[in-house]
Amino acid sequence: MKFNYSYEKKKFDEEWEKLEIEYRQAGMTEKAIMEIRNFDWNSFKLRRTEALHTQEFLEENNAQEIGDGSNEIMLLHKFGDKFLTVEDDLDYHSRYWWIEELDTPNFILKIKSLSDEELELLDLKVFRGLSLKEIANFKGIPYRTIKYKFARIKKLLK
């Protein structure tokens, strides 16, 4: 991305000259106008930082000849293996969105090996914050059975 600071700053200042007049005519206080201007200025600086630190993958001017004679984007050549993704064949349960948020592959496989009933119990305990007694009442199952099932779940997840 390219960013011509002088040109963009000039556009920013011109736009803000108009906005300040408009805001004053609308009856806004100087403090409120300055807060909005500061917010816009911070957004301007963020756009500039992003532009300075972003390199397009598909721009032809970034393509360079590499050792084997082919043209390839240098960033893609250098970091391409970091962009590869691997999908497994296990089904995702939309109800259990949190499984997809986990970042430890072995733990994910352990979670996915749980039965639907075990996943539901885990979801009720961890994400809905129910106690074992509340889960037993909710499911209509004796407390000792729930306690046993959670012991089994803990054992499977270790």
Protein backbone atom coordinates (compact mmCIF):
# COMPACT_ATOMS: atom_id res chain seq x y z
CA MET A 1 0.00 0.00 0.00
CA LYS A 2 1.18 3.48 -0.74
CA PHE A 3 0.57 6.50 1.44
CA ASN A 4 1.62 10.01 0.46
CA TYR A 5 1.67 11.73 3.84
CA SER A 6 1.76 15.29 2.52
CA TYR A 7 -1.14 14.74 0.16
CA GLU A 8 -3.25 12.83 2.69
CA LYS A 9 -2.51 15.35 5.48
CA LYS A 10 -3.52 18.22 3.19
CA LYS A 11 -6.82 16.44 2.39
CA PHE A 12 -7.36 15.81 6.12
CA ASP A 13 -6.77 19.46 7.03
CA GLU A 14 -9.03 20.74 4.23
CA GLU A 15 -11.81 18.39 5.24
CA TRP A 16 -11.48 19.43 8.87
CA GLU A 17 -11.64 23.12 8.05
CA LYS A 18 -15.06 22.47 6.54
CA LEU A 19 -16.16 20.15 9.35
CA GLU A 20 -15.20 22.59 12.11
CA ILE A 21 -17.36 25.30 10.50
CA GLU A 22 -20.23 22.83 10.07
CA TYR A 23 -19.96 21.58 13.67
CA ARG A 24 -19.85 25.12 15.10
CA GLN A 25 -22.94 26.09 13.09
CA ALA A 26 -24.67 22.98 14.46
CA GLY A 27 -23.99 24.28 17.99
CA MET A 28 -21.31 21.83 19.11
CA THR A 29 -18.88 22.90 21.82
CA GLU A 30 -15.19 23.41 21.06
CA LYS A 31 -14.35 20.53 23.37
CA ALA A 32 -16.66 18.15 21.48
CA ILE A 33 -15.25 19.29 18.14
CA MET A 34 -11.68 18.71 19.37
CA GLU A 35 -12.59 15.22 20.64
CA ILE A 36 -13.98 14.28 17.23
CA ARG A 37 -10.96 15.80 15.48
CA ASN A 38 -8.58 13.86 17.77
CA PHE A 39 -10.46 10.67 17.02
CA ASP A 40 -10.21 11.31 13.28
CA TRP A 41 -6.53 12.21 13.64
CA ASN A 42 -5.84 8.92 15.42
CA SER A 43 -7.70 7.07 12.65
CA PHE A 44 -5.57 8.93 10.10
CA LYS A 45 -2.38 7.85 11.88
CA LEU A 46 -3.58 4.23 12.04
CA ARG A 47 -4.30 4.23 8.29
CA ARG A 48 -0.83 5.62 7.67
CA THR A 49 0.80 2.98 9.88
CA GLU A 50 -1.14 0.22 8.15
CA ALA A 51 -0.16 1.54 4.73
CA LEU A 52 3.50 1.73 5.70
CA HIS A 53 3.56 -1.80 7.10
CA THR A 54 1.44 -3.63 4.56
CA GLN A 55 2.76 -5.29 1.45
CA GLU A 56 0.32 -6.53 -1.15
CA PHE A 57 0.75 -10.14 -2.21
CA LEU A 58 -0.63 -9.80 -5.71
CA GLU A 59 0.91 -6.58 -6.99
CA GLU A 60 3.05 -7.18 -10.04
CA ASN A 61 5.75 -4.79 -8.83
CA ASN A 62 6.31 -7.09 -5.83
CA ALA A 63 6.91 -10.09 -8.07
CA GLN A 64 10.57 -10.88 -8.41
CA GLU A 65 12.44 -13.62 -10.14
CA ILE A 66 13.53 -16.30 -7.71
CA GLY A 67 16.26 -18.90 -8.04
CA ASP A 68 14.41 -21.27 -10.36
CA GLY A 69 13.61 -18.51 -12.87
CA SER A 70 9.89 -18.23 -12.03
CA ASN A 71 8.22 -15.03 -10.98
CA GLU A 72 6.74 -15.21 -7.52
CA ILE A 73 5.73 -12.78 -4.84
CA MET A 74 8.72 -12.66 -2.47
CA LEU A 75 6.62 -12.58 0.71
CA LEU A 76 4.63 -15.55 -0.50
CA HIS A 77 7.85 -17.37 -1.35
CA LYS A 78 9.42 -16.56 2.01
CA PHE A 79 6.41 -17.18 4.25
CA GLY A 80 4.14 -19.34 2.07
CA ASP A 81 4.37 -22.39 4.32
CA LYS A 82 2.93 -20.32 7.18
CA PHE A 83 -0.29 -19.75 5.21
CA LEU A 84 -1.09 -23.39 4.58
CA THR A 85 -4.07 -24.76 6.46
CA VAL A 86 -5.00 -28.32 7.24
CA GLU A 87 -8.58 -29.39 7.66
CA ASP A 88 -9.53 -32.52 9.50
CA ASP A 89 -12.49 -34.74 8.71
CA LEU A 90 -14.15 -34.34 12.09
CA ASP A 91 -17.54 -32.64 12.18
CA TYR A 92 -17.91 -29.34 13.96
CA HIS A 93 -20.96 -28.91 16.14
CA SER A 94 -22.25 -25.40 15.63
CA ARG A 95 -23.65 -25.46 19.13
CA TYR A 96 -20.16 -26.03 20.45
CA TRP A 97 -18.52 -23.05 18.78
CA TRP A 98 -15.87 -22.91 21.48
CA ILE A 99 -14.18 -26.04 20.14
CA GLU A 100 -13.11 -24.09 17.08
CA GLU A 101 -11.61 -21.41 19.33
CA LEU A 102 -9.20 -23.83 21.02
CA ASP A 103 -5.60 -23.64 19.91
CA THR A 104 -4.04 -26.88 21.20
CA PRO A 105 -4.39 -29.62 18.55
CA ASN A 106 -4.14 -32.57 20.96
CA PHE A 107 -6.74 -31.05 23.27
CA ILE A 108 -9.04 -30.36 20.33
CA LEU A 109 -8.87 -34.02 19.31
CA LYS A 110 -9.65 -35.09 22.86
CA ILE A 111 -12.63 -32.73 23.02
CA LYS A 112 -13.90 -33.97 19.66
CA SER A 113 -13.66 -37.57 20.87
CA LEU A 114 -16.28 -36.85 23.56
CA SER A 115 -19.82 -38.02 22.97
CA ASP A 116 -22.60 -35.49 22.34
CA GLU A 117 -23.88 -36.05 25.88
CA GLU A 118 -20.43 -35.39 27.35
CA LEU A 119 -20.03 -32.26 25.23
CA GLU A 120 -23.40 -31.01 26.43
CA LEU A 121 -22.45 -31.60 30.07
CA LEU A 122 -19.13 -29.82 29.56
CA ASP A 123 -20.90 -26.92 27.86
CA LEU A 124 -23.40 -26.62 30.73
CA LYS A 125 -20.62 -26.63 33.33
CA VAL A 126 -17.95 -24.49 31.71
CA PHE A 127 -19.79 -22.05 29.48
CA ARG A 128 -23.16 -21.73 31.15
CA GLY A 129 -21.66 -21.81 34.65
CA LEU A 130 -24.02 -24.38 36.14
CA SER A 131 -22.96 -26.37 39.20
CA LEU A 132 -23.10 -30.17 39.14
CA LYS A 133 -26.27 -30.08 41.25
CA GLU A 134 -27.89 -27.60 38.85
CA ILE A 135 -26.93 -29.79 35.89
CA ALA A 136 -28.41 -32.84 37.62
CA ASN A 137 -31.68 -30.96 38.24
CA PHE A 138 -31.73 -29.59 34.69
CA LYS A 139 -31.12 -32.99 33.10
CA GLY A 140 -33.29 -34.92 35.60
CA ILE A 141 -30.39 -37.23 36.40
CA PRO A 142 -29.13 -38.13 39.90
CA TYR A 143 -26.29 -35.96 41.18
CA ARG A 144 -23.98 -38.96 41.66
CA THR A 145 -24.40 -39.92 38.00
CA ILE A 146 -23.44 -36.40 36.89
CA LYS A 147 -20.46 -36.45 39.25
CA TYR A 148 -19.34 -39.80 37.79
CA LYS A 149 -19.73 -38.53 34.21
CA PHE A 150 -17.61 -35.46 34.97
CA ALA A 151 -14.93 -37.63 36.53
CA ARG A 152 -14.88 -39.63 33.28
CA ILE A 153 -14.72 -36.45 31.19
CA LYS A 154 -11.76 -35.17 33.26
CA LYS A 155 -9.99 -38.50 32.81
CA LEU A 156 -10.51 -38.41 29.03
CA LEU A 157 -9.23 -34.85 28.76
CA LYS A 158 -6.01 -35.41 30.73
